[in-house]
Amino acid sequence: MTTEELQALEIGKVVDARGTACPGPLLDAKRAIGECPVGGVMEVQSSDDGTIIDIQRWSRKMGHEYLGDVENDGFWSIYFRKVK
C-alpha cells in the first residue's frame, strides 16, 4: 500500500510504543490485539525501527495481514489487519 493509502485507513486500535526498545513494542502489540476487532487495522507507533521486522514476522506467524509502514518524524507507524 502507498503511504497515502496507509494513512487513510480506519484504525481499530493504536498502540503508542514510542520510546520503548525492542521487544517492548511487539509485546505491547500482542497485549492490545484483543482490543482490535477482527478485520480491523492496528497501528503500532514505534521509534525502534527493528519493530517493523518484528511486527512483520509476528503478523505472518499469527495469520494477520501486514499492510505496511510509514516513517514519520522520529518514529514509524506500522499497520496490520487482524484476520482472526
PDB file of N, CA and C in Angstrom:
ATOM      1  N   MET A   1       0.844  -1.181   0.000  1.00  0.00           N
ATOM      2  CA  MET A   1       0.000   0.000   0.000  1.00  0.00           C
ATOM      3  C   MET A   1       0.885   1.239   0.000  1.00  0.00           C
ATOM      4  N   THR A   2       0.375   2.289  -0.583  1.00  0.00           N
ATOM      5  CA  THR A   2       1.123   3.542  -0.588  1.00  0.00           C
ATOM      6  C   THR A   2       1.003   4.226   0.766  1.00  0.00           C
ATOM      7  N   THR A   3       1.861   5.189   0.999  1.00  0.00           N
ATOM      8  CA  THR A   3       1.806   5.967   2.241  1.00  0.00           C
ATOM      9  C   THR A   3       0.443   6.609   2.411  1.00  0.00           C
ATOM     10  N   GLU A   4      -0.092   7.152   1.347  1.00  0.00           N
ATOM     11  CA  GLU A   4      -1.395   7.812   1.404  1.00  0.00           C
ATOM     12  C   GLU A   4      -2.506   6.823   1.751  1.00  0.00           C
ATOM     13  N   GLU A   5      -2.451   5.634   1.165  1.00  0.00           N
ATOM     14  CA  GLU A   5      -3.455   4.608   1.454  1.00  0.00           C
ATOM     15  C   GLU A   5      -3.368   4.153   2.912  1.00  0.00           C
ATOM     16  N   LEU A   6      -2.150   3.979   3.409  1.00  0.00           N
ATOM     17  CA  LEU A   6      -1.979   3.568   4.795  1.00  0.00           C
ATOM     18  C   LEU A   6      -2.504   4.632   5.754  1.00  0.00           C
ATOM     19  N   GLN A   7      -2.191   5.884   5.482  1.00  0.00           N
ATOM     20  CA  GLN A   7      -2.614   6.968   6.362  1.00  0.00           C
ATOM     21  C   GLN A   7      -4.122   7.220   6.289  1.00  0.00           C
ATOM     22  N   ALA A   8      -4.780   6.734   5.243  1.00  0.00           N
ATOM     23  CA  ALA A   8      -6.227   6.916   5.094  1.00  0.00           C
ATOM     24  C   ALA A   8      -7.027   5.769   5.720  1.00  0.00           C
ATOM     25  N   LEU A   9      -6.348   4.719   6.186  1.00  0.00           N
ATOM     26  CA  LEU A   9      -7.045   3.576   6.770  1.00  0.00           C
ATOM     27  C   LEU A   9      -7.801   3.974   8.030  1.00  0.00           C
ATOM     28  N   GLU A  10      -8.938   3.315   8.250  1.00  0.00           N
ATOM     29  CA  GLU A  10      -9.657   3.478   9.514  1.00  0.00           C
ATOM     30  C   GLU A  10      -8.975   2.546  10.521  1.00  0.00           C
ATOM     31  N   ILE A  11      -8.479   3.116  11.598  1.00  0.00           N
ATOM     32  CA  ILE A  11      -7.695   2.368  12.572  1.00  0.00           C
ATOM     33  C   ILE A  11      -8.593   1.881  13.704  1.00  0.00           C
ATOM     34  N   GLY A  12      -8.532   0.579  13.978  1.00  0.00           N
ATOM     35  CA  GLY A  12      -9.324  -0.003  15.056  1.00  0.00           C
ATOM     36  C   GLY A  12      -8.656   0.128  16.409  1.00  0.00           C
ATOM     37  N   LYS A  13      -7.320   0.156  16.423  1.00  0.00           N
ATOM     38  CA  LYS A  13      -6.564   0.261  17.674  1.00  0.00           C
ATOM     39  C   LYS A  13      -5.197   0.864  17.365  1.00  0.00           C
ATOM     40  N   VAL A  14      -4.782   1.840  18.174  1.00  0.00           N
ATOM     41  CA  VAL A  14      -3.455   2.437  18.062  1.00  0.00           C
ATOM     42  C   VAL A  14      -2.660   2.047  19.300  1.00  0.00           C
ATOM     43  N   VAL A  15      -1.448   1.559  19.083  1.00  0.00           N
ATOM     44  CA  VAL A  15      -0.529   1.234  20.171  1.00  0.00           C
ATOM     45  C   VAL A  15       0.633   2.205  20.072  1.00  0.00           C
ATOM     46  N   ASP A  16       0.763   3.079  21.061  1.00  0.00           N
ATOM     47  CA  ASP A  16       1.854   4.049  21.081  1.00  0.00           C
ATOM     48  C   ASP A  16       2.989   3.472  21.917  1.00  0.00           C
ATOM     49  N   ALA A  17       3.989   2.921  21.239  1.00  0.00           N
ATOM     50  CA  ALA A  17       5.141   2.313  21.900  1.00  0.00           C
ATOM     51  C   ALA A  17       6.408   3.128  21.630  1.00  0.00           C
ATOM     52  N   ARG A  18       6.229   4.397  21.282  1.00  0.00           N
ATOM     53  CA  ARG A  18       7.393   5.246  21.031  1.00  0.00           C
ATOM     54  C   ARG A  18       8.208   5.375  22.310  1.00  0.00           C
ATOM     55  N   GLY A  19       9.517   5.352  22.158  1.00  0.00           N
ATOM     56  CA  GLY A  19      10.401   5.499  23.304  1.00  0.00           C
ATOM     57  C   GLY A  19      10.731   4.200  24.010  1.00  0.00           C
ATOM     58  N   THR A  20      10.162   3.083  23.569  1.00  0.00           N
ATOM     59  CA  THR A  20      10.500   1.785  24.155  1.00  0.00           C
ATOM     60  C   THR A  20      11.337   0.992  23.165  1.00  0.00           C
ATOM     61  N   ALA A  21      12.245   0.203  23.709  1.00  0.00           N
ATOM     62  CA  ALA A  21      13.138  -0.592  22.861  1.00  0.00           C
ATOM     63  C   ALA A  21      12.561  -1.986  22.644  1.00  0.00           C
ATOM     64  N   CYS A  22      13.049  -2.633  21.632  1.00  0.00           N
ATOM     65  CA  CYS A  22      12.672  -3.993  21.301  1.00  0.00           C
ATOM     66  C   CYS A  22      12.978  -4.890  22.493  1.00  0.00           C
ATOM     67  N   PRO A  23      12.100  -5.761  22.895  1.00  0.00           N
ATOM     68  CA  PRO A  23      10.868  -6.208  22.265  1.00  0.00           C
ATOM     69  C   PRO A  23       9.613  -5.494  22.773  1.00  0.00           C
ATOM     70  N   GLY A  24       9.760  -4.375  23.471  1.00  0.00           N
ATOM     71  CA  GLY A  24       8.624  -3.667  24.060  1.00  0.00           C
ATOM     72  C   GLY A  24       7.469  -3.390  23.113  1.00  0.00           C
ATOM     73  N   PRO A  25       7.721  -2.795  21.939  1.00  0.00           N
ATOM     74  CA  PRO A  25       6.611  -2.507  21.026  1.00  0.00           C
ATOM     75  C   PRO A  25       5.851  -3.758  20.581  1.00  0.00           C
ATOM     76  N   LEU A  26       6.565  -4.843  20.326  1.00  0.00           N
ATOM     77  CA  LEU A  26       5.896  -6.088  19.933  1.00  0.00           C
ATOM     78  C   LEU A  26       5.057  -6.633  21.087  1.00  0.00           C
ATOM     79  N   LEU A  27       5.587  -6.599  22.292  1.00  0.00           N
ATOM     80  CA  LEU A  27       4.826  -7.066  23.452  1.00  0.00           C
ATOM     81  C   LEU A  27       3.585  -6.213  23.670  1.00  0.00           C
ATOM     82  N   ASP A  28       3.707  -4.901  23.471  1.00  0.00           N
ATOM     83  CA  ASP A  28       2.541  -4.014  23.581  1.00  0.00           C
ATOM     84  C   ASP A  28       1.485  -4.373  22.538  1.00  0.00           C
ATOM     85  N   ALA A  29       1.935  -4.673  21.318  1.00  0.00           N
ATOM     86  CA  ALA A  29       1.004  -5.054  20.244  1.00  0.00           C
ATOM     87  C   ALA A  29       0.299  -6.367  20.585  1.00  0.00           C
ATOM     88  N   LYS A  30       1.050  -7.324  21.109  1.00  0.00           N
ATOM     89  CA  LYS A  30       0.459  -8.613  21.486  1.00  0.00           C
ATOM     90  C   LYS A  30      -0.607  -8.439  22.563  1.00  0.00           C
ATOM     91  N   ARG A  31      -0.352  -7.564  23.531  1.00  0.00           N
ATOM     92  CA  ARG A  31      -1.326  -7.315  24.601  1.00  0.00           C
ATOM     93  C   ARG A  31      -2.571  -6.610  24.073  1.00  0.00           C
ATOM     94  N   ALA A  32      -2.409  -5.747  23.073  1.00  0.00           N
ATOM     95  CA  ALA A  32      -3.511  -4.915  22.585  1.00  0.00           C
ATOM     96  C   ALA A  32      -4.334  -5.553  21.470  1.00  0.00           C
ATOM     97  N   ILE A  33      -3.858  -6.625  20.858  1.00  0.00           N
ATOM     98  CA  ILE A  33      -4.545  -7.193  19.701  1.00  0.00           C
ATOM     99  C   ILE A  33      -5.979  -7.601  20.031  1.00  0.00           C
ATOM    100  N   GLY A  34      -6.241  -8.000  21.248  1.00  0.00           N
ATOM    101  CA  GLY A  34      -7.592  -8.392  21.639  1.00  0.00           C
ATOM    102  C   GLY A  34      -8.582  -7.237  21.607  1.00  0.00           C
ATOM    103  N   GLU A  35      -8.083  -5.998  21.664  1.00  0.00           N
ATOM    104  CA  GLU A  35      -8.948  -4.816  21.622  1.00  0.00           C
ATOM    105  C   GLU A  35      -9.273  -4.366  20.199  1.00  0.00           C
ATOM    106  N   CYS A  36      -8.649  -4.999  19.234  1.00  0.00           N
ATOM    107  CA  CYS A  36      -8.886  -4.660  17.822  1.00  0.00           C
ATOM    108  C   CYS A  36      -9.869  -5.686  17.257  1.00  0.00           C
ATOM    109  N   PRO A  37     -10.937  -5.232  16.600  1.00  0.00           N
ATOM    110  CA  PRO A  37     -11.909  -6.184  16.052  1.00  0.00           C
ATOM    111  C   PRO A  37     -11.325  -6.981  14.882  1.00  0.00           C
ATOM    112  N   VAL A  38     -11.834  -8.185  14.681  1.00  0.00           N
ATOM    113  CA  VAL A  38     -11.435  -8.981  13.516  1.00  0.00           C
ATOM    114  C   VAL A  38     -11.761  -8.165  12.263  1.00  0.00           C
ATOM    115  N   GLY A  39     -10.813  -8.075  11.363  1.00  0.00           N
ATOM    116  CA  GLY A  39     -10.966  -7.262  10.157  1.00  0.00           C
ATOM    117  C   GLY A  39     -10.509  -5.835  10.361  1.00  0.00           C
ATOM    118  N   GLY A  40     -10.246  -5.468  11.618  1.00  0.00           N
ATOM    119  CA  GLY A  40      -9.796  -4.117  11.932  1.00  0.00           C
ATOM    120  C   GLY A  40      -8.305  -3.959  11.716  1.00  0.00           C
ATOM    121  N   VAL A  41      -7.891  -2.718  11.650  1.00  0.00           N
ATOM    122  CA  VAL A  41      -6.485  -2.390  11.429  1.00  0.00           C
ATOM    123  C   VAL A  41      -5.890  -1.862  12.722  1.00  0.00           C
ATOM    124  N   MET A  42      -4.722  -2.384  13.064  1.00  0.00           N
ATOM    125  CA  MET A  42      -3.973  -1.879  14.215  1.00  0.00           C
ATOM    126  C   MET A  42      -2.779  -1.087  13.697  1.00  0.00           C
ATOM    127  N   GLU A  43      -2.527   0.027  14.357  1.00  0.00           N
ATOM    128  CA  GLU A  43      -1.343   0.835  14.073  1.00  0.00           C
ATOM    129  C   GLU A  43      -0.445   0.776  15.292  1.00  0.00           C
ATOM    130  N   VAL A  44       0.797   0.365  15.096  1.00  0.00           N
ATOM    131  CA  VAL A  44       1.789   0.362  16.161  1.00  0.00           C
ATOM    132  C   VAL A  44       2.768   1.489  15.855  1.00  0.00           C
ATOM    133  N   GLN A  45       2.892   2.411  16.786  1.00  0.00           N
ATOM    134  CA  GLN A  45       3.833   3.523  16.645  1.00  0.00           C
ATOM    135  C   GLN A  45       5.077   3.189  17.448  1.00  0.00           C
ATOM    136  N   SER A  46       6.238   3.214  16.798  1.00  0.00           N
ATOM    137  CA  SER A  46       7.477   2.821  17.457  1.00  0.00           C
ATOM    138  C   SER A  46       8.647   3.641  16.938  1.00  0.00           C
ATOM    139  N   SER A  47       9.523   4.033  17.859  1.00  0.00           N
ATOM    140  CA  SER A  47      10.747   4.731  17.472  1.00  0.00           C
ATOM    141  C   SER A  47      11.899   3.748  17.249  1.00  0.00           C
ATOM    142  N   ASP A  48      11.655   2.464  17.472  1.00  0.00           N
ATOM    143  CA  ASP A  48      12.651   1.415  17.258  1.00  0.00           C
ATOM    144  C   ASP A  48      12.383   0.770  15.903  1.00  0.00           C
ATOM    145  N   ASP A  49      13.270   1.021  14.927  1.00  0.00           N
ATOM    146  CA  ASP A  49      12.995   0.525  13.572  1.00  0.00           C
ATOM    147  C   ASP A  49      13.033  -0.996  13.472  1.00  0.00           C
ATOM    148  N   GLY A  50      13.567  -1.699  14.466  1.00  0.00           N
ATOM    149  CA  GLY A  50      13.519  -3.160  14.486  1.00  0.00           C
ATOM    150  C   GLY A  50      12.107  -3.692  14.657  1.00  0.00           C
ATOM    151  N   THR A  51      11.217  -2.836  15.137  1.00  0.00           N
ATOM    152  CA  THR A  51       9.826  -3.236  15.339  1.00  0.00           C
ATOM    153  C   THR A  51       9.165  -3.611  14.018  1.00  0.00           C
ATOM    154  N   ILE A  52       9.583  -2.998  12.937  1.00  0.00           N
ATOM    155  CA  ILE A  52       8.987  -3.294  11.628  1.00  0.00           C
ATOM    156  C   ILE A  52       9.134  -4.782  11.314  1.00  0.00           C
ATOM    157  N   ILE A  53      10.340  -5.290  11.449  1.00  0.00           N
ATOM    158  CA  ILE A  53      10.587  -6.707  11.166  1.00  0.00           C
ATOM    159  C   ILE A  53       9.859  -7.585  12.172  1.00  0.00           C
ATOM    160  N   ASP A  54       9.876  -7.179  13.450  1.00  0.00           N
ATOM    161  CA  ASP A  54       9.181  -7.959  14.481  1.00  0.00           C
ATOM    162  C   ASP A  54       7.694  -8.084  14.171  1.00  0.00           C
ATOM    163  N   ILE A  55       7.055  -6.973  13.808  1.00  0.00           N
ATOM    164  CA  ILE A  55       5.612  -6.987  13.514  1.00  0.00           C
ATOM    165  C   ILE A  55       5.334  -7.786  12.245  1.00  0.00           C
ATOM    166  N   GLN A  56       6.193  -7.660  11.230  1.00  0.00           N
ATOM    167  CA  GLN A  56       6.009  -8.446  10.008  1.00  0.00           C
ATOM    168  C   GLN A  56       6.026  -9.940  10.324  1.00  0.00           C
ATOM    169  N   ARG A  57       7.026 -10.382  11.066  1.00  0.00           N
ATOM    170  CA  ARG A  57       7.161 -11.809  11.389  1.00  0.00           C
ATOM    171  C   ARG A  57       6.005 -12.294  12.253  1.00  0.00           C
ATOM    172  N   TRP A  58       5.682 -11.516  13.286  1.00  0.00           N
ATOM    173  CA  TRP A  58       4.604 -11.897  14.191  1.00  0.00           C
ATOM    174  C   TRP A  58       3.262 -11.952  13.459  1.00  0.00           C
ATOM    175  N   SER A  59       2.998 -10.951  12.615  1.00  0.00           N
ATOM    176  CA  SER A  59       1.745 -10.927  11.836  1.00  0.00           C
ATOM    177  C   SER A  59       1.623 -12.175  10.974  1.00  0.00           C
ATOM    178  N   ARG A  60       2.685 -12.500  10.278  1.00  0.00           N
ATOM    179  CA  ARG A  60       2.685 -13.689   9.411  1.00  0.00           C
ATOM    180  C   ARG A  60       2.464 -14.955  10.245  1.00  0.00           C
ATOM    181  N   LYS A  61       3.157 -15.063  11.365  1.00  0.00           N
ATOM    182  CA  LYS A  61       3.039 -16.239  12.232  1.00  0.00           C
ATOM    183  C   LYS A  61       1.619 -16.399  12.775  1.00  0.00           C
ATOM    184  N   MET A  62       0.970 -15.304  13.122  1.00  0.00           N
ATOM    185  CA  MET A  62      -0.364 -15.333  13.717  1.00  0.00           C
ATOM    186  C   MET A  62      -1.481 -15.340  12.673  1.00  0.00           C
ATOM    187  N   GLY A  63      -1.128 -15.169  11.396  1.00  0.00           N
ATOM    188  CA  GLY A  63      -2.130 -15.189  10.340  1.00  0.00           C
ATOM    189  C   GLY A  63      -2.761 -13.838  10.055  1.00  0.00           C
ATOM    190  N   HIS A  64      -2.174 -12.764  10.591  1.00  0.00           N
ATOM    191  CA  HIS A  64      -2.679 -11.426  10.313  1.00  0.00           C
ATOM    192  C   HIS A  64      -2.044 -10.894   9.027  1.00  0.00           C
ATOM    193  N   GLU A  65      -2.604  -9.832   8.491  1.00  0.00           N
ATOM    194  CA  GLU A  65      -2.139  -9.274   7.220  1.00  0.00           C
ATOM    195  C   GLU A  65      -1.323  -8.013   7.470  1.00  0.00           C
ATOM    196  N   TYR A  66      -0.017  -8.095   7.225  1.00  0.00           N
ATOM    197  CA  TYR A  66       0.855  -6.923   7.332  1.00  0.00           C
ATOM    198  C   TYR A  66       0.545  -5.997   6.157  1.00  0.00           C
ATOM    199  N   LEU A  67       0.274  -4.724   6.440  1.00  0.00           N
ATOM    200  CA  LEU A  67      -0.133  -3.787   5.386  1.00  0.00           C
ATOM    201  C   LEU A  67       0.979  -2.847   4.953  1.00  0.00           C
ATOM    202  N   GLY A  68       1.895  -2.532   5.855  1.00  0.00           N
ATOM    203  CA  GLY A  68       2.989  -1.639   5.512  1.00  0.00           C
ATOM    204  C   GLY A  68       3.353  -0.739   6.672  1.00  0.00           C
ATOM    205  N   ASP A  69       4.284   0.167   6.392  1.00  0.00           N
ATOM    206  CA  ASP A  69       4.745   1.087   7.419  1.00  0.00           C
ATOM    207  C   ASP A  69       5.040   2.448   6.800  1.00  0.00           C
ATOM    208  N   VAL A  70       4.986   3.461   7.654  1.00  0.00           N
ATOM    209  CA  VAL A  70       5.232   4.839   7.227  1.00  0.00           C
ATOM    210  C   VAL A  70       6.211   5.460   8.207  1.00  0.00           C
ATOM    211  N   GLU A  71       7.263   6.069   7.676  1.00  0.00           N
ATOM    212  CA  GLU A  71       8.215   6.770   8.523  1.00  0.00           C
ATOM    213  C   GLU A  71       7.693   8.172   8.791  1.00  0.00           C
ATOM    214  N   ASN A  72       7.564   8.507  10.063  1.00  0.00           N
ATOM    215  CA  ASN A  72       7.138   9.839  10.484  1.00  0.00           C
ATOM    216  C   ASN A  72       8.352  10.571  11.048  1.00  0.00           C
ATOM    217  N   ASP A  73       8.132  11.689  11.660  1.00  0.00           N
ATOM    218  CA  ASP A  73       9.207  12.468  12.254  1.00  0.00           C
ATOM    219  C   ASP A  73       9.642  11.834  13.573  1.00  0.00           C
ATOM    220  N   GLY A  74      10.635  10.953  13.521  1.00  0.00           N
ATOM    221  CA  GLY A  74      11.172  10.336  14.724  1.00  0.00           C
ATOM    222  C   GLY A  74      10.554   9.009  15.126  1.00  0.00           C
ATOM    223  N   PHE A  75       9.599   8.506  14.373  1.00  0.00           N
ATOM    224  CA  PHE A  75       9.008   7.205  14.691  1.00  0.00           C
ATOM    225  C   PHE A  75       8.377   6.599  13.443  1.00  0.00           C
ATOM    226  N   TRP A  76       8.034   5.316  13.555  1.00  0.00           N
ATOM    227  CA  TRP A  76       7.375   4.574  12.482  1.00  0.00           C
ATOM    228  C   TRP A  76       5.937   4.283  12.873  1.00  0.00           C
ATOM    229  N   SER A  77       5.035   4.312  11.914  1.00  0.00           N
ATOM    230  CA  SER A  77       3.681   3.795  12.057  1.00  0.00           C
ATOM    231  C   SER A  77       3.633   2.507  11.262  1.00  0.00           C
ATOM    232  N   ILE A  78       3.304   1.419  11.938  1.00  0.00           N
ATOM    233  CA  ILE A  78       3.301   0.091  11.334  1.00  0.00           C
ATOM    234  C   ILE A  78       1.868  -0.427  11.367  1.00  0.00           C
ATOM    235  N   TYR A  79       1.372  -0.860  10.213  1.00  0.00           N
ATOM    236  CA  TYR A  79      -0.035  -1.224  10.078  1.00  0.00           C
ATOM    237  C   TYR A  79      -0.213  -2.691   9.732  1.00  0.00           C
ATOM    238  N   PHE A  80      -1.176  -3.328  10.392  1.00  0.00           N
ATOM    239  CA  PHE A  80      -1.571  -4.685  10.005  1.00  0.00           C
ATOM    240  C   PHE A  80      -3.043  -4.879  10.305  1.00  0.00           C
ATOM    241  N   ARG A  81      -3.651  -5.813   9.568  1.00  0.00           N
ATOM    242  CA  ARG A  81      -5.077  -6.124   9.729  1.00  0.00           C
ATOM    243  C   ARG A  81      -5.212  -7.417  10.531  1.00  0.00           C
ATOM    244  N   LYS A  82      -6.056  -7.368  11.559  1.00  0.00           N
ATOM    245  CA  LYS A  82      -6.327  -8.565  12.369  1.00  0.00           C
ATOM    246  C   LYS A  82      -7.251  -9.477  11.568  1.00  0.00           C
ATOM    247  N   VAL A  83      -6.801 -10.694  11.310  1.00  0.00           N
ATOM    248  CA  VAL A  83      -7.556 -11.615  10.481  1.00  0.00           C
ATOM    249  C   VAL A  83      -8.387 -12.592  11.308  1.00  0.00           C
ATOM    250  N   LYS A  84      -7.909 -12.937  12.485  1.00  0.00           N
ATOM    251  CA  LYS A  84      -8.659 -13.899  13.305  1.00  0.00           C
ATOM    252  C   LYS A  84      -8.590 -13.530  14.764  1.00  0.00           C
TER     253      LYS A  84
END
